Amino acid sequence: ARLLLLFSTSPSLPGGASLSAAASGSGGGEGKEGPIETEMSAMLCNSLLPPGSPEIPDVDGQTYDAWDFDVVAQVLSSECQSAQVDWVAVARSLDQGDMVVGDPSTLNTLVALFRRSANMAFPTQALLVPWRNAAAQLSMIGQAVDAPADVVSFVGKGVTVMISPEPGSAEVEQGPPNQAWHCATLVQLLLDMGETEHFAAARVVLNKAAAQCPELLVLSLATIGGMGRIKLSPDGAAAAEPPSAANLRLHGSLMKELLPAYFQPNGSPHALVLVRALWDLDADLVLRLCRQAYTTRPTAATVQHLIRLVKSVPDGPAKLMTMPERELVFAVACVLGDNKELSLDDWVVEQFKSVDGTQATQAVLTFVKRHAPRVSPRANVTPDSPPVSLESLTVLLKVLHTFSS
């Protein structure tokens, strides 16, 4: 904001002197400001600059406390087009230490002046590269993510993520129409800021995504975790850098808060849709979350839910049943046996034959020790019961006794 005002009064740039006189109403003509223009004029010198900032001097040393918005835009547009001004560079030069965009009205005025002066949309890519003044950038991003699409649009900017529900399933929230939270590059930038003294401010902005469209935020976090840091070049092109230890604090805290609910029964109506999208990005992440869900709440309902999730993705059941965490595998096998989807006797025998005997024995003993005190007959199993019935437990112990002998 300060840059645009200084630009309009600088004698070294096109139209500086004539603009300052015209914009202040001293160009010889009678001022014709209406209520909207008067409000915008006041905002240009007041709202866009922090309290206590000096007024912008004209080339003759005088100061002006009101600007005609239409004249500012008209003169900047007509004078600067012939000079081939790089308006993307002008947008990048908003990187000023005292620039604060504290509310939507301020952002709307700033972007409106830019668009009418440059005859182009505001270049969103200028917001997606690190600024020297991170506080100023965060203030603008905080307003931009909620802005209408015709003010600031993130459509097609940087690395994007998409999620669509299956026909007949619950609609997945897509966030604001400007698609800010489809932009994984924006999330990466905020994560990087979260590793500095701006952790709290960056978290406040990311909390908007967590509240508005958590599935999109999770996909961005998984995308970043899978491909490493996303780097946006000055021309707006996105590329991946090798994974690093950067942004682990904020990235990790968001993943821990958002993901577990999808792997617990009745945790989210969008669990299947999200898991399908995550599986394509990082199948190992999905399997780790399955293990975590079982460890946190090892019930029949949890294991049934995990079976449903992995059945929805290619090769999901096969990969789950070959996980090195054998206790979870035995829990899945027992539930499948109780559901008549698996011959538990034959499967357990095959495990003892094909897998290291000591490993299989230890897994069974751990599983039995955890669940035996609470087992009940198959007909009496409830969602909160252990993931093994009395009948399945009997099968496990018989096979274990046979191979031990």
Protein backbone atom coordinates (compact mmCIF):
# COMPACT_ATOMS: atom_id res chain seq x y z
CA ALA A 1 0.00 0.00 0.00
CA ARG A 2 2.79 2.40 0.89
CA LEU A 3 4.57 1.50 -2.36
CA LEU A 4 1.56 2.37 -4.51
CA LEU A 5 1.15 5.72 -2.78
CA LEU A 6 4.84 6.56 -3.06
CA PHE A 7 4.77 5.45 -6.68
CA SER A 8 1.99 7.92 -7.43
CA THR A 9 3.94 10.87 -5.97
CA SER A 10 7.42 10.07 -7.20
CA PRO A 11 8.72 12.54 -9.84
CA SER A 12 11.11 9.90 -11.15
CA LEU A 13 8.26 7.66 -12.34
CA PRO A 14 5.62 8.35 -15.00
CA GLY A 15 2.89 10.79 -13.97
CA GLY A 16 4.22 11.45 -10.49
CA ALA A 17 3.79 15.21 -10.28
CA SER A 18 0.59 15.41 -12.30
CA LEU A 19 -0.94 12.54 -10.37
CA SER A 20 -0.24 14.04 -6.98
CA ALA A 21 -1.95 17.27 -7.95
CA ALA A 22 -4.89 15.58 -9.61
CA ALA A 23 -5.43 13.05 -6.89
CA SER A 24 -5.49 15.71 -4.20
CA GLY A 25 -7.99 17.81 -6.12
CA SER A 26 -5.55 20.67 -6.82
CA GLY A 27 -5.24 20.11 -10.54
CA GLY A 28 -7.43 23.06 -11.44
CA GLY A 29 -10.70 21.15 -11.76
CA GLU A 30 -13.46 21.03 -9.18
CA GLY A 31 -13.43 17.89 -7.04
CA LYS A 32 -16.28 15.48 -7.69
CA GLU A 33 -15.78 12.84 -5.03
CA GLY A 34 -18.80 10.81 -4.02
CA PRO A 35 -19.27 9.04 -0.67
CA ILE A 36 -17.61 5.78 -1.83
CA GLU A 37 -14.65 7.53 -3.41
CA THR A 38 -14.22 9.73 -0.34
CA GLU A 39 -14.15 6.65 1.88
CA MET A 40 -11.61 4.93 -0.38
CA SER A 41 -9.50 8.09 -0.47
CA ALA A 42 -9.40 8.21 3.31
CA MET A 43 -8.47 4.54 3.48
CA LEU A 44 -5.60 5.02 1.08
CA CYS A 45 -3.84 7.39 3.47
CA ASN A 46 -5.18 6.04 6.75
CA SER A 47 -6.25 2.36 6.78
CA LEU A 48 -3.41 1.14 4.58
CA LEU A 49 -0.76 2.72 6.77
CA PRO A 50 -0.28 1.86 10.43
CA PRO A 51 -1.17 4.44 13.12
CA GLY A 52 1.44 7.16 13.49
CA SER A 53 2.78 6.87 9.93
CA PRO A 54 3.75 10.20 8.36
CA GLU A 55 1.58 11.64 5.64
CA ILE A 56 2.79 11.18 2.08
CA PRO A 57 4.45 14.42 0.90
CA ASP A 58 3.89 15.86 -2.55
CA VAL A 59 6.85 16.92 -4.69
CA ASP A 60 6.36 20.52 -3.56
CA GLY A 61 6.70 19.55 0.11
CA GLN A 62 3.00 19.85 0.87
CA THR A 63 0.91 17.02 2.23
CA TYR A 64 -2.52 15.84 1.24
CA ASP A 65 -4.96 14.09 3.55
CA ALA A 66 -7.42 12.97 0.87
CA TRP A 67 -6.99 11.13 -2.40
CA ASP A 68 -9.48 10.69 -5.23
CA PHE A 69 -9.49 6.93 -5.81
CA ASP A 70 -10.69 7.16 -9.41
CA VAL A 71 -8.05 9.72 -10.37
CA VAL A 72 -5.26 7.71 -8.74
CA ALA A 73 -6.26 4.60 -10.68
CA GLN A 74 -6.86 6.43 -13.95
CA VAL A 75 -3.55 8.29 -13.98
CA LEU A 76 -1.54 5.27 -12.87
CA SER A 77 -3.14 3.20 -15.63
CA SER A 78 -2.71 5.71 -18.45
CA GLU A 79 0.77 6.91 -17.53
CA CYS A 80 2.32 3.58 -16.63
CA GLN A 81 1.07 1.37 -19.45
CA SER A 82 3.20 3.23 -21.96
CA ALA A 83 6.21 2.83 -19.66
CA GLN A 84 5.71 -0.97 -19.54
CA VAL A 85 5.66 -1.10 -15.76
CA ASP A 86 6.24 -4.58 -14.32
CA TRP A 87 3.12 -4.81 -12.19
CA VAL A 88 4.05 -8.23 -10.81
CA ALA A 89 7.19 -6.60 -9.43
CA VAL A 90 5.01 -3.83 -7.98
CA ALA A 91 2.94 -6.49 -6.20
CA ARG A 92 6.08 -8.12 -4.85
CA SER A 93 7.21 -4.74 -3.54
CA LEU A 94 4.33 -4.75 -1.09
CA ASP A 95 6.92 -6.53 1.04
CA GLN A 96 7.25 -3.54 3.38
CA GLY A 97 7.88 -3.67 7.11
CA ASP A 98 5.07 -1.25 7.97
CA MET A 99 2.46 -2.68 5.60
CA VAL A 100 -0.55 -4.04 7.48
CA VAL A 101 -3.73 -5.47 5.95
CA GLY A 102 -5.91 -5.77 9.00
CA ASP A 103 -9.38 -6.29 7.56
CA PRO A 104 -11.21 -7.28 4.35
CA SER A 105 -12.04 -3.67 3.46
CA THR A 106 -8.36 -2.75 3.40
CA LEU A 107 -7.52 -5.70 1.15
CA ASN A 108 -10.41 -4.89 -1.18
CA THR A 109 -9.26 -1.28 -1.55
CA LEU A 110 -5.64 -2.24 -2.15
CA VAL A 111 -6.53 -4.86 -4.79
CA ALA A 112 -9.09 -2.58 -6.45
CA LEU A 113 -6.46 0.15 -6.85
CA PHE A 114 -3.98 -2.37 -8.22
CA ARG A 115 -6.43 -3.88 -10.72
CA ARG A 116 -7.70 -0.55 -12.01
CA SER A 117 -4.19 0.81 -12.32
CA ALA A 118 -2.56 -2.26 -13.86
CA ASN A 119 -5.56 -3.51 -15.85
CA MET A 120 -4.83 -7.03 -14.64
CA ALA A 121 -5.81 -9.32 -11.79
CA PHE A 122 -3.75 -9.19 -8.65
CA PRO A 123 -0.84 -11.67 -9.13
CA THR A 124 -1.43 -14.16 -6.33
CA GLN A 125 1.98 -15.74 -6.89
CA ALA A 126 3.48 -12.66 -5.23
CA LEU A 127 1.97 -13.91 -1.96
CA LEU A 128 3.32 -17.45 -2.33
CA VAL A 129 7.04 -16.69 -2.12
CA PRO A 130 8.74 -15.80 1.17
CA TRP A 131 8.84 -12.10 2.03
CA ARG A 132 11.51 -10.37 4.05
CA ASN A 133 8.74 -8.98 6.24
CA ALA A 134 6.84 -12.09 7.31
CA ALA A 135 4.44 -10.20 9.60
CA ALA A 136 3.30 -8.04 6.69
CA GLN A 137 2.88 -11.12 4.49
CA LEU A 138 0.87 -12.95 7.14
CA SER A 139 -1.44 -9.98 7.56
CA MET A 140 -2.19 -9.98 3.84
CA ILE A 141 -2.50 -13.78 3.54
CA GLY A 142 -4.83 -13.83 6.54
CA GLN A 143 -7.27 -11.64 4.64
CA ALA A 144 -6.59 -13.11 1.19
CA VAL A 145 -7.59 -16.69 2.08
CA ASP A 146 -11.14 -15.52 2.82
CA ALA A 147 -11.37 -13.00 -0.01
CA PRO A 148 -13.84 -13.38 -2.90
CA ALA A 149 -12.36 -15.07 -5.97
CA ASP A 150 -12.58 -11.81 -7.95
CA VAL A 151 -10.33 -10.11 -5.37
CA VAL A 152 -7.62 -12.75 -4.83
CA SER A 153 -7.74 -16.11 -6.60
CA PHE A 154 -5.56 -19.13 -5.82
CA VAL A 155 -7.01 -21.22 -8.65
CA GLY A 156 -4.22 -23.15 -10.37
CA LYS A 157 -1.48 -21.51 -8.31
CA GLY A 158 1.47 -23.66 -7.27
CA VAL A 159 0.84 -27.29 -6.29
CA THR A 160 -2.89 -27.94 -5.96
CA VAL A 161 -4.85 -30.72 -4.25
CA MET A 162 -8.36 -31.91 -5.10
CA ILE A 163 -10.85 -34.15 -3.35
CA SER A 164 -14.25 -35.25 -4.61
CA PRO A 165 -16.87 -37.41 -2.87
CA GLU A 166 -18.15 -40.65 -4.28
CA PRO A 167 -21.68 -40.53 -5.77
CA GLY A 168 -24.22 -40.70 -2.99
CA SER A 169 -21.73 -39.90 -0.21
CA ALA A 170 -21.61 -36.78 1.96
CA GLU A 171 -20.38 -33.62 0.26
CA VAL A 172 -16.78 -32.69 1.09
CA GLU A 173 -16.21 -29.08 2.09
CA GLN A 174 -14.08 -27.31 -0.52
CA GLY A 175 -13.30 -24.12 1.42
CA PRO A 176 -13.72 -20.58 0.06
CA PRO A 177 -14.51 -20.07 -3.64
CA ASN A 178 -11.06 -18.57 -4.27
CA GLN A 179 -9.63 -22.11 -3.68
CA ALA A 180 -7.05 -20.89 -1.21
CA TRP A 181 -6.98 -24.25 0.58
CA HIS A 182 -6.58 -26.19 -2.65
CA CYS A 183 -3.11 -24.61 -2.81
CA ALA A 184 -0.54 -26.84 -1.09
CA THR A 185 2.10 -24.22 -1.85
CA LEU A 186 0.27 -21.78 0.43
CA VAL A 187 0.15 -24.40 3.19
CA GLN A 188 3.89 -25.01 2.76
CA LEU A 189 4.61 -21.30 3.10
CA LEU A 190 2.57 -21.08 6.31
CA LEU A 191 4.32 -24.16 7.70
CA ASP A 192 7.68 -22.52 7.05
CA MET A 193 6.51 -19.39 8.87
CA GLY A 194 5.44 -21.63 11.73
CA GLU A 195 9.06 -22.57 12.32
CA THR A 196 9.87 -18.94 13.17
CA GLU A 197 8.66 -16.48 15.76
CA HIS A 198 5.47 -16.25 13.70
CA PHE A 199 4.25 -19.71 14.78
CA ALA A 200 1.10 -18.39 16.48
CA ALA A 201 0.07 -16.13 13.59
CA ALA A 202 0.68 -18.87 11.00
CA ARG A 203 -1.32 -21.33 13.10
CA VAL A 204 -4.25 -18.90 13.25
CA VAL A 205 -4.40 -18.81 9.44
CA LEU A 206 -4.07 -22.60 9.12
CA ASN A 207 -6.82 -23.04 11.71
CA LYS A 208 -9.17 -21.49 9.15
CA ALA A 209 -8.45 -24.38 6.80
CA ALA A 210 -8.83 -26.91 9.62
CA ALA A 211 -12.28 -25.50 10.41
CA GLN A 212 -13.50 -24.90 6.85
CA CYS A 213 -12.14 -27.87 4.90
CA PRO A 214 -10.06 -30.28 7.03
CA GLU A 215 -9.82 -32.92 4.28
CA LEU A 216 -8.14 -30.49 1.89
CA LEU A 217 -5.69 -29.42 4.59
CA VAL A 218 -4.84 -33.06 5.35
CA LEU A 219 -4.20 -33.72 1.66
CA SER A 220 -1.89 -30.70 1.47
CA LEU A 221 0.00 -31.87 4.56
CA ALA A 222 0.34 -35.37 3.11
CA THR A 223 1.44 -33.96 -0.25
CA ILE A 224 4.11 -31.88 1.44
CA GLY A 225 5.25 -34.79 3.59
CA GLY A 226 5.53 -37.06 0.55
CA MET A 227 7.36 -34.78 -1.86
CA GLY A 228 9.37 -32.64 0.52
CA ARG A 229 9.24 -28.87 0.55
CA ILE A 230 7.36 -27.13 -2.26
CA LYS A 231 9.30 -24.27 -3.76
CA LEU A 232 7.62 -21.64 -5.91
CA SER A 233 9.86 -19.85 -8.38
CA PRO A 234 9.36 -16.12 -9.11
CA ASP A 235 7.39 -16.98 -12.26
CA GLY A 236 4.90 -19.00 -10.23
CA ALA A 237 6.06 -22.49 -11.25
CA ALA A 238 6.09 -25.10 -8.48
CA ALA A 239 8.78 -27.68 -7.89
CA ALA A 240 9.68 -30.06 -5.09
CA GLU A 241 12.80 -29.90 -2.99
CA PRO A 242 14.19 -32.92 -1.12
CA PRO A 243 12.44 -33.63 2.19
CA SER A 244 13.93 -31.77 5.13
CA ALA A 245 13.41 -31.38 8.85
CA ALA A 246 11.81 -27.98 8.28
CA ASN A 247 8.24 -27.22 9.39
CA LEU A 248 8.01 -30.40 11.46
CA ARG A 249 6.51 -28.72 14.51
CA LEU A 250 3.43 -27.21 12.88
CA HIS A 251 3.11 -29.97 10.28
CA GLY A 252 3.24 -32.67 12.95
CA SER A 253 0.81 -30.98 15.32
CA LEU A 254 -1.79 -30.53 12.58
CA MET A 255 -1.46 -34.13 11.39
CA LYS A 256 -1.87 -35.44 14.95
CA GLU A 257 -4.95 -33.32 15.52
CA LEU A 258 -6.72 -33.91 12.21
CA LEU A 259 -6.00 -37.48 11.09
CA PRO A 260 -6.92 -39.86 13.96
CA ALA A 261 -10.66 -39.15 13.73
CA TYR A 262 -10.84 -40.63 10.22
CA PHE A 263 -9.48 -43.95 11.47
CA GLN A 264 -11.90 -44.37 14.34
CA PRO A 265 -15.48 -45.63 13.84
CA ASN A 266 -17.98 -42.78 13.46
CA GLY A 267 -15.11 -40.30 13.43
CA SER A 268 -15.94 -38.63 10.10
CA PRO A 269 -18.42 -39.21 7.28
CA HIS A 270 -15.58 -38.49 4.85
CA ALA A 271 -13.23 -41.22 6.08
CA LEU A 272 -13.47 -43.38 2.95
CA VAL A 273 -13.02 -40.45 0.57
CA LEU A 274 -9.99 -39.15 2.43
CA VAL A 275 -8.33 -42.55 2.78
CA ARG A 276 -8.68 -43.19 -0.94
CA ALA A 277 -7.00 -39.87 -1.68
CA LEU A 278 -4.28 -40.45 0.94
CA TRP A 279 -3.58 -43.96 -0.34
CA ASP A 280 -2.57 -42.58 -3.73
CA LEU A 281 -0.21 -40.12 -2.02
CA ASP A 282 1.28 -42.26 0.74
CA ALA A 283 0.00 -45.79 1.36
CA ASP A 284 2.48 -46.31 4.20
CA LEU A 285 0.99 -43.31 6.02
CA VAL A 286 -2.45 -44.94 5.87
CA LEU A 287 -1.07 -48.21 7.25
CA ARG A 288 0.73 -46.39 10.09
CA LEU A 289 -2.51 -44.65 10.99
CA CYS A 290 -4.31 -47.99 11.02
CA ARG A 291 -1.78 -49.29 13.50
CA GLN A 292 -2.11 -46.14 15.61
CA ALA A 293 -5.90 -46.43 15.66
CA TYR A 294 -5.70 -50.04 16.85
CA THR A 295 -3.14 -49.20 19.52
CA THR A 296 -5.26 -46.31 20.79
CA ARG A 297 -8.57 -48.19 20.86
CA PRO A 298 -8.24 -51.96 20.20
CA THR A 299 -11.93 -52.82 19.90
CA ALA A 300 -14.02 -54.86 17.49
CA ALA A 301 -15.56 -51.67 16.08
CA THR A 302 -12.14 -50.12 15.41
CA VAL A 303 -10.86 -53.19 13.57
CA GLN A 304 -14.11 -53.45 11.57
CA HIS A 305 -13.67 -49.81 10.54
CA LEU A 306 -10.04 -50.36 9.51
CA ILE A 307 -11.06 -53.37 7.42
CA ARG A 308 -13.67 -51.22 5.67
CA LEU A 309 -11.09 -48.53 4.95
CA VAL A 310 -8.44 -50.80 3.46
CA LYS A 311 -11.02 -52.66 1.37
CA SER A 312 -11.77 -49.36 -0.38
CA VAL A 313 -8.25 -48.99 -1.85
CA PRO A 314 -6.25 -51.07 -4.34
CA ASP A 315 -4.20 -53.83 -2.67
CA GLY A 316 -5.26 -52.48 0.73
CA PRO A 317 -6.16 -55.82 2.37
CA ALA A 318 -3.00 -57.52 1.08
CA LYS A 319 -0.74 -54.76 2.37
CA LEU A 320 -2.51 -54.64 5.73
CA MET A 321 -2.15 -58.40 6.23
CA THR A 322 1.58 -58.28 5.51
CA MET A 323 2.34 -55.46 7.97
CA PRO A 324 5.19 -56.17 10.36
CA GLU A 325 2.91 -55.23 13.30
CA ARG A 326 1.56 -58.76 13.60
CA GLU A 327 -0.76 -58.15 16.56
CA LEU A 328 -2.94 -55.89 14.40
CA VAL A 329 -2.83 -58.51 11.63
CA PHE A 330 -4.08 -61.20 14.03
CA ALA A 331 -6.85 -58.85 15.20
CA VAL A 332 -7.97 -58.33 11.60
CA ALA A 333 -7.84 -62.09 10.93
CA CYS A 334 -9.96 -62.85 14.00
CA VAL A 335 -12.61 -60.29 13.03
CA LEU A 336 -12.67 -61.65 9.47
CA GLY A 337 -12.99 -65.16 10.90
CA ASP A 338 -15.90 -64.12 13.10
CA ASN A 339 -17.50 -62.55 10.01
CA LYS A 340 -17.10 -65.82 8.08
CA GLU A 341 -14.86 -64.01 5.56
CA LEU A 342 -11.76 -66.05 6.43
CA SER A 343 -10.99 -69.60 7.53
CA LEU A 344 -9.13 -68.67 10.69
CA ASP A 345 -7.81 -72.21 11.31
CA ASP A 346 -6.13 -72.46 7.91
CA TRP A 347 -4.86 -68.87 8.02
CA VAL A 348 -3.21 -69.26 11.44
CA VAL A 349 -1.57 -72.53 10.42
CA GLU A 350 -0.23 -70.86 7.30
CA GLN A 351 1.20 -68.02 9.41
CA PHE A 352 3.13 -70.40 11.61
CA LYS A 353 4.44 -72.23 8.56
CA SER A 354 5.42 -69.23 6.45
CA VAL A 355 6.50 -66.68 9.03
CA ASP A 356 9.28 -67.00 11.56
CA GLY A 357 7.83 -69.17 14.28
CA THR A 358 9.17 -67.07 17.12
CA GLN A 359 7.65 -63.88 15.68
CA ALA A 360 4.24 -65.51 15.16
CA THR A 361 4.29 -67.03 18.64
CA GLN A 362 5.16 -63.71 20.26
CA ALA A 363 2.42 -61.91 18.34
CA VAL A 364 -0.20 -64.45 19.40
CA LEU A 365 0.90 -64.37 23.05
CA THR A 366 0.79 -60.56 23.12
CA PHE A 367 -2.61 -60.57 21.45
CA VAL A 368 -4.03 -63.15 23.86
CA LYS A 369 -2.62 -61.40 26.92
CA ARG A 370 -4.21 -58.10 25.86
CA HIS A 371 -7.68 -59.42 25.07
CA ALA A 372 -8.31 -62.77 26.81
CA PRO A 373 -9.70 -61.29 30.07
CA ARG A 374 -12.57 -59.60 28.19
CA VAL A 375 -13.49 -62.05 25.45
CA SER A 376 -17.09 -63.14 24.99
CA PRO A 377 -18.88 -65.65 22.77
CA ARG A 378 -19.31 -64.59 19.15
CA ALA A 379 -23.04 -64.05 19.61
CA ASN A 380 -22.42 -61.55 22.41
CA VAL A 381 -19.70 -59.42 20.76
CA THR A 382 -20.43 -55.65 20.90
CA PRO A 383 -18.61 -52.72 19.24
CA ASP A 384 -16.63 -52.18 22.44
CA SER A 385 -15.65 -55.84 22.77
CA PRO A 386 -12.11 -57.03 22.02
CA PRO A 387 -11.48 -57.82 18.33
CA VAL A 388 -11.61 -61.57 19.04
CA SER A 389 -14.44 -63.83 20.13
CA LEU A 390 -14.18 -66.79 22.47
CA GLU A 391 -14.41 -69.11 19.47
CA SER A 392 -11.57 -67.36 17.61
CA LEU A 393 -9.43 -67.24 20.73
CA THR A 394 -9.87 -71.00 21.08
CA VAL A 395 -8.63 -71.50 17.51
CA LEU A 396 -5.52 -69.40 18.20
CA LEU A 397 -4.65 -71.33 21.36
CA LYS A 398 -5.16 -74.72 19.74
CA VAL A 399 -2.87 -73.89 16.83
CA LEU A 400 -0.29 -72.35 19.15
CA HIS A 401 -0.34 -75.50 21.32
CA THR A 402 0.06 -77.74 18.27
CA PHE A 403 3.08 -75.91 16.92
CA SER A 404 4.64 -75.46 20.36
CA SER A 405 4.45 -79.22 20.89
